[in-house]
Amino acid sequence: MRNTKHFAFLFCFVSYGQIHAPINGPTSICVGSTVTFNDATPSGTPANERQLDIFPNPNKGVFTIKGAIGVPIAIGNDEVSVVITDMIGQVVYKDVVTMANGNINAQVILSNGLARGVYMLGLRSGKESRVLYFVIE
């Protein structure tokens, strides 16, 4: 099974003054790109054992993490370390949640007034780890 996701990025830079040419006044340069990610699930592995999502995304600092970090080796409960960092690497949130039968279903409430932007969510349990990105609007 193949799950394809497309993301579009647009970066704009505005310069006031002269840039590499005799152009005076405000000048903007925009660069756009579309990135495609394919998530291939190995045959014989049910897709729900590999699926991990954050929703809603984007959000306002309240969201749910649902799914599995990897294929569970044993059915049972295990602790998962949750670490959220901003794009310069500062840790803005830490917690430990419990997986039930190899799956995570946890709500995160970020109450420290984080700025709008992209954040990185890191999950680790034993030797398994996953990283997801989300947007606070």
C-alpha atoms as a PDB file:
ATOM      1  CA  MET A   1       0.000   0.000   0.000  1.00  0.00           C
ATOM      2  CA  ARG A   2       1.347   3.462  -0.851  1.00  0.00           C
ATOM      3  CA  ASN A   3       0.265   6.687   0.836  1.00  0.00           C
ATOM      4  CA  THR A   4       1.312   9.829  -1.062  1.00  0.00           C
ATOM      5  CA  LYS A   5       1.272  13.281   0.518  1.00  0.00           C
ATOM      6  CA  HIS A   6       2.001  16.535  -1.321  1.00  0.00           C
ATOM      7  CA  PHE A   7       3.189  19.674   0.437  1.00  0.00           C
ATOM      8  CA  ALA A   8       3.624  23.077  -1.206  1.00  0.00           C
ATOM      9  CA  PHE A   9       6.099  25.594   0.154  1.00  0.00           C
ATOM     10  CA  LEU A  10       6.435  29.278  -0.743  1.00  0.00           C
ATOM     11  CA  PHE A  11       9.232  31.387   0.692  1.00  0.00           C
ATOM     12  CA  CYS A  12       9.309  35.134   0.087  1.00  0.00           C
ATOM     13  CA  PHE A  13      12.071  37.568   0.880  1.00  0.00           C
ATOM     14  CA  VAL A  14      11.571  41.332   0.829  1.00  0.00           C
ATOM     15  CA  SER A  15      14.464  43.729   0.490  1.00  0.00           C
ATOM     16  CA  TYR A  16      14.337  47.494   0.893  1.00  0.00           C
ATOM     17  CA  GLY A  17      17.103  49.132  -1.053  1.00  0.00           C
ATOM     18  CA  GLN A  18      19.501  47.827  -3.632  1.00  0.00           C
ATOM     19  CA  ILE A  19      20.047  44.109  -4.317  1.00  0.00           C
ATOM     20  CA  HIS A  20      22.545  42.818  -6.911  1.00  0.00           C
ATOM     21  CA  ALA A  21      21.198  45.268  -9.482  1.00  0.00           C
ATOM     22  CA  PRO A  22      20.336  48.935  -9.599  1.00  0.00           C
ATOM     23  CA  ILE A  23      16.766  48.380  -8.314  1.00  0.00           C
ATOM     24  CA  ASN A  24      15.690  50.896  -5.694  1.00  0.00           C
ATOM     25  CA  GLY A  25      12.686  50.478  -3.422  1.00  0.00           C
ATOM     26  CA  PRO A  26      10.979  47.386  -2.062  1.00  0.00           C
ATOM     27  CA  THR A  27      11.803  44.216  -3.970  1.00  0.00           C
ATOM     28  CA  SER A  28      10.456  40.759  -3.237  1.00  0.00           C
ATOM     29  CA  ILE A  29      11.801  37.414  -4.352  1.00  0.00           C
ATOM     30  CA  CYS A  30       9.618  34.306  -3.982  1.00  0.00           C
ATOM     31  CA  VAL A  31      10.678  30.706  -4.388  1.00  0.00           C
ATOM     32  CA  GLY A  32       8.062  27.957  -4.491  1.00  0.00           C
ATOM     33  CA  SER A  33       8.296  24.206  -4.505  1.00  0.00           C
ATOM     34  CA  THR A  34       6.122  21.140  -4.117  1.00  0.00           C
ATOM     35  CA  VAL A  35       7.485  18.172  -2.187  1.00  0.00           C
ATOM     36  CA  THR A  36       5.977  14.693  -2.450  1.00  0.00           C
ATOM     37  CA  PHE A  37       6.393  12.069   0.277  1.00  0.00           C
ATOM     38  CA  ASN A  38       5.595   8.408  -0.349  1.00  0.00           C
ATOM     39  CA  ASP A  39       5.046   6.170   2.657  1.00  0.00           C
ATOM     40  CA  ALA A  40       5.342   2.576   1.521  1.00  0.00           C
ATOM     41  CA  THR A  41       4.067  -0.046   3.919  1.00  0.00           C
ATOM     42  CA  PRO A  42       5.934  -3.354   3.622  1.00  0.00           C
ATOM     43  CA  SER A  43       3.749  -6.189   2.376  1.00  0.00           C
ATOM     44  CA  GLY A  44       2.380  -8.324   5.186  1.00  0.00           C
ATOM     45  CA  THR A  45       2.395  -5.403   7.652  1.00  0.00           C
ATOM     46  CA  PRO A  46      -1.041  -3.930   8.315  1.00  0.00           C
ATOM     47  CA  ALA A  47      -1.074  -0.201   7.539  1.00  0.00           C
ATOM     48  CA  ASN A  48      -2.601   0.689  10.918  1.00  0.00           C
ATOM     49  CA  GLU A  49       0.534  -0.625  12.688  1.00  0.00           C
ATOM     50  CA  ARG A  50       2.677   2.009  10.990  1.00  0.00           C
ATOM     51  CA  GLN A  51       0.285   4.969  10.826  1.00  0.00           C
ATOM     52  CA  LEU A  52       1.010   7.869  13.190  1.00  0.00           C
ATOM     53  CA  ASP A  53      -0.780  11.206  12.926  1.00  0.00           C
ATOM     54  CA  ILE A  54      -1.141  14.565  14.609  1.00  0.00           C
ATOM     55  CA  PHE A  55      -4.548  16.162  14.210  1.00  0.00           C
ATOM     56  CA  PRO A  56      -5.638  18.776  13.696  1.00  0.00           C
ATOM     57  CA  ASN A  57      -2.607  20.083  11.859  1.00  0.00           C
ATOM     58  CA  PRO A  58      -2.301  23.071  11.751  1.00  0.00           C
ATOM     59  CA  ASN A  59      -3.654  23.739  15.241  1.00  0.00           C
ATOM     60  CA  LYS A  60      -3.724  26.371  17.985  1.00  0.00           C
ATOM     61  CA  GLY A  61      -1.628  24.400  20.486  1.00  0.00           C
ATOM     62  CA  VAL A  62      -4.137  21.629  21.266  1.00  0.00           C
ATOM     63  CA  PHE A  63      -3.871  18.425  19.245  1.00  0.00           C
ATOM     64  CA  THR A  64      -4.047  14.627  19.403  1.00  0.00           C
ATOM     65  CA  ILE A  65      -1.284  12.123  18.654  1.00  0.00           C
ATOM     66  CA  LYS A  66      -2.750   8.848  17.441  1.00  0.00           C
ATOM     67  CA  GLY A  67      -1.178   5.712  16.000  1.00  0.00           C
ATOM     68  CA  ALA A  68       1.931   3.599  16.535  1.00  0.00           C
ATOM     69  CA  ILE A  69       5.632   4.415  16.536  1.00  0.00           C
ATOM     70  CA  GLY A  70       6.549   1.087  14.948  1.00  0.00           C
ATOM     71  CA  VAL A  71       5.352  -2.473  14.751  1.00  0.00           C
ATOM     72  CA  PRO A  72       4.762  -3.560  18.365  1.00  0.00           C
ATOM     73  CA  ILE A  73       6.916  -6.515  19.407  1.00  0.00           C
ATOM     74  CA  ALA A  74       4.610  -7.517  22.230  1.00  0.00           C
ATOM     75  CA  ILE A  75       1.067  -6.568  23.054  1.00  0.00           C
ATOM     76  CA  GLY A  76       0.986  -4.543  26.244  1.00  0.00           C
ATOM     77  CA  ASN A  77       1.572  -1.084  27.635  1.00  0.00           C
ATOM     78  CA  ASP A  78       4.781   0.849  27.143  1.00  0.00           C
ATOM     79  CA  GLU A  79       5.861   4.406  27.925  1.00  0.00           C
ATOM     80  CA  VAL A  80       6.596   6.875  25.141  1.00  0.00           C
ATOM     81  CA  SER A  81       8.704   9.998  25.593  1.00  0.00           C
ATOM     82  CA  VAL A  82       7.171  13.060  23.885  1.00  0.00           C
ATOM     83  CA  VAL A  83       9.457  16.033  23.175  1.00  0.00           C
ATOM     84  CA  ILE A  84       8.431  19.115  21.192  1.00  0.00           C
ATOM     85  CA  THR A  85      11.072  21.535  19.926  1.00  0.00           C
ATOM     86  CA  ASP A  86      10.933  24.701  17.895  1.00  0.00           C
ATOM     87  CA  MET A  87      12.887  25.065  14.656  1.00  0.00           C
ATOM     88  CA  ILE A  88      16.028  26.306  16.436  1.00  0.00           C
ATOM     89  CA  GLY A  89      16.101  23.257  18.708  1.00  0.00           C
ATOM     90  CA  GLN A  90      14.729  24.699  21.944  1.00  0.00           C
ATOM     91  CA  VAL A  91      12.630  22.201  23.897  1.00  0.00           C
ATOM     92  CA  VAL A  92       9.187  23.728  24.500  1.00  0.00           C
ATOM     93  CA  TYR A  93       7.344  20.654  25.848  1.00  0.00           C
ATOM     94  CA  LYS A  94       8.184  17.297  27.467  1.00  0.00           C
ATOM     95  CA  ASP A  95       5.911  14.517  28.659  1.00  0.00           C
ATOM     96  CA  VAL A  96       5.632  10.753  28.956  1.00  0.00           C
ATOM     97  CA  VAL A  97       2.509   9.002  27.673  1.00  0.00           C
ATOM     98  CA  THR A  98       1.482   5.362  27.799  1.00  0.00           C
ATOM     99  CA  MET A  99       0.830   3.247  24.728  1.00  0.00           C
ATOM    100  CA  ALA A 100      -2.059   0.802  25.002  1.00  0.00           C
ATOM    101  CA  ASN A 101      -1.443  -2.403  23.023  1.00  0.00           C
ATOM    102  CA  GLY A 102       1.253  -0.682  20.961  1.00  0.00           C
ATOM    103  CA  ASN A 103      -0.833   2.381  20.049  1.00  0.00           C
ATOM    104  CA  ILE A 104      -0.723   5.992  21.200  1.00  0.00           C
ATOM    105  CA  ASN A 105      -3.848   8.082  21.707  1.00  0.00           C
ATOM    106  CA  ALA A 106      -2.823  11.191  23.625  1.00  0.00           C
ATOM    107  CA  GLN A 107      -3.986  14.783  23.678  1.00  0.00           C
ATOM    108  CA  VAL A 108      -1.347  17.507  23.974  1.00  0.00           C
ATOM    109  CA  ILE A 109      -2.231  20.931  25.350  1.00  0.00           C
ATOM    110  CA  LEU A 110       0.498  23.540  24.881  1.00  0.00           C
ATOM    111  CA  SER A 111      -0.432  26.281  27.318  1.00  0.00           C
ATOM    112  CA  ASN A 112       2.758  28.323  27.236  1.00  0.00           C
ATOM    113  CA  GLY A 113       1.682  30.751  24.480  1.00  0.00           C
ATOM    114  CA  LEU A 114       3.970  29.469  21.738  1.00  0.00           C
ATOM    115  CA  ALA A 115       4.497  31.627  18.676  1.00  0.00           C
ATOM    116  CA  ARG A 116       2.962  30.670  15.355  1.00  0.00           C
ATOM    117  CA  GLY A 117       5.237  28.475  13.279  1.00  0.00           C
ATOM    118  CA  VAL A 118       6.518  24.973  12.592  1.00  0.00           C
ATOM    119  CA  TYR A 119       7.403  22.654  15.483  1.00  0.00           C
ATOM    120  CA  MET A 120       8.954  19.186  15.677  1.00  0.00           C
ATOM    121  CA  LEU A 121       7.353  16.391  17.715  1.00  0.00           C
ATOM    122  CA  GLY A 122       9.733  13.595  18.706  1.00  0.00           C
ATOM    123  CA  LEU A 123       8.444  10.275  20.077  1.00  0.00           C
ATOM    124  CA  ARG A 124      10.690   7.569  21.521  1.00  0.00           C
ATOM    125  CA  SER A 125       9.910   4.189  23.038  1.00  0.00           C
ATOM    126  CA  GLY A 126      12.762   1.747  23.548  1.00  0.00           C
ATOM    127  CA  LYS A 127      14.625   1.476  20.232  1.00  0.00           C
ATOM    128  CA  GLU A 128      11.759   2.936  18.181  1.00  0.00           C
ATOM    129  CA  SER A 129      11.487   6.642  17.446  1.00  0.00           C
ATOM    130  CA  ARG A 130       9.481   8.869  15.115  1.00  0.00           C
ATOM    131  CA  VAL A 131       9.530  12.562  14.253  1.00  0.00           C
ATOM    132  CA  LEU A 132       6.525  14.524  13.020  1.00  0.00           C
ATOM    133  CA  TYR A 133       6.163  18.187  12.167  1.00  0.00           C
ATOM    134  CA  PHE A 134       3.155  20.351  12.933  1.00  0.00           C
ATOM    135  CA  VAL A 135       2.122  23.983  12.605  1.00  0.00           C
ATOM    136  CA  ILE A 136       0.760  26.300  15.282  1.00  0.00           C
ATOM    137  CA  GLU A 137      -1.375  29.022  13.749  1.00  0.00           C
END
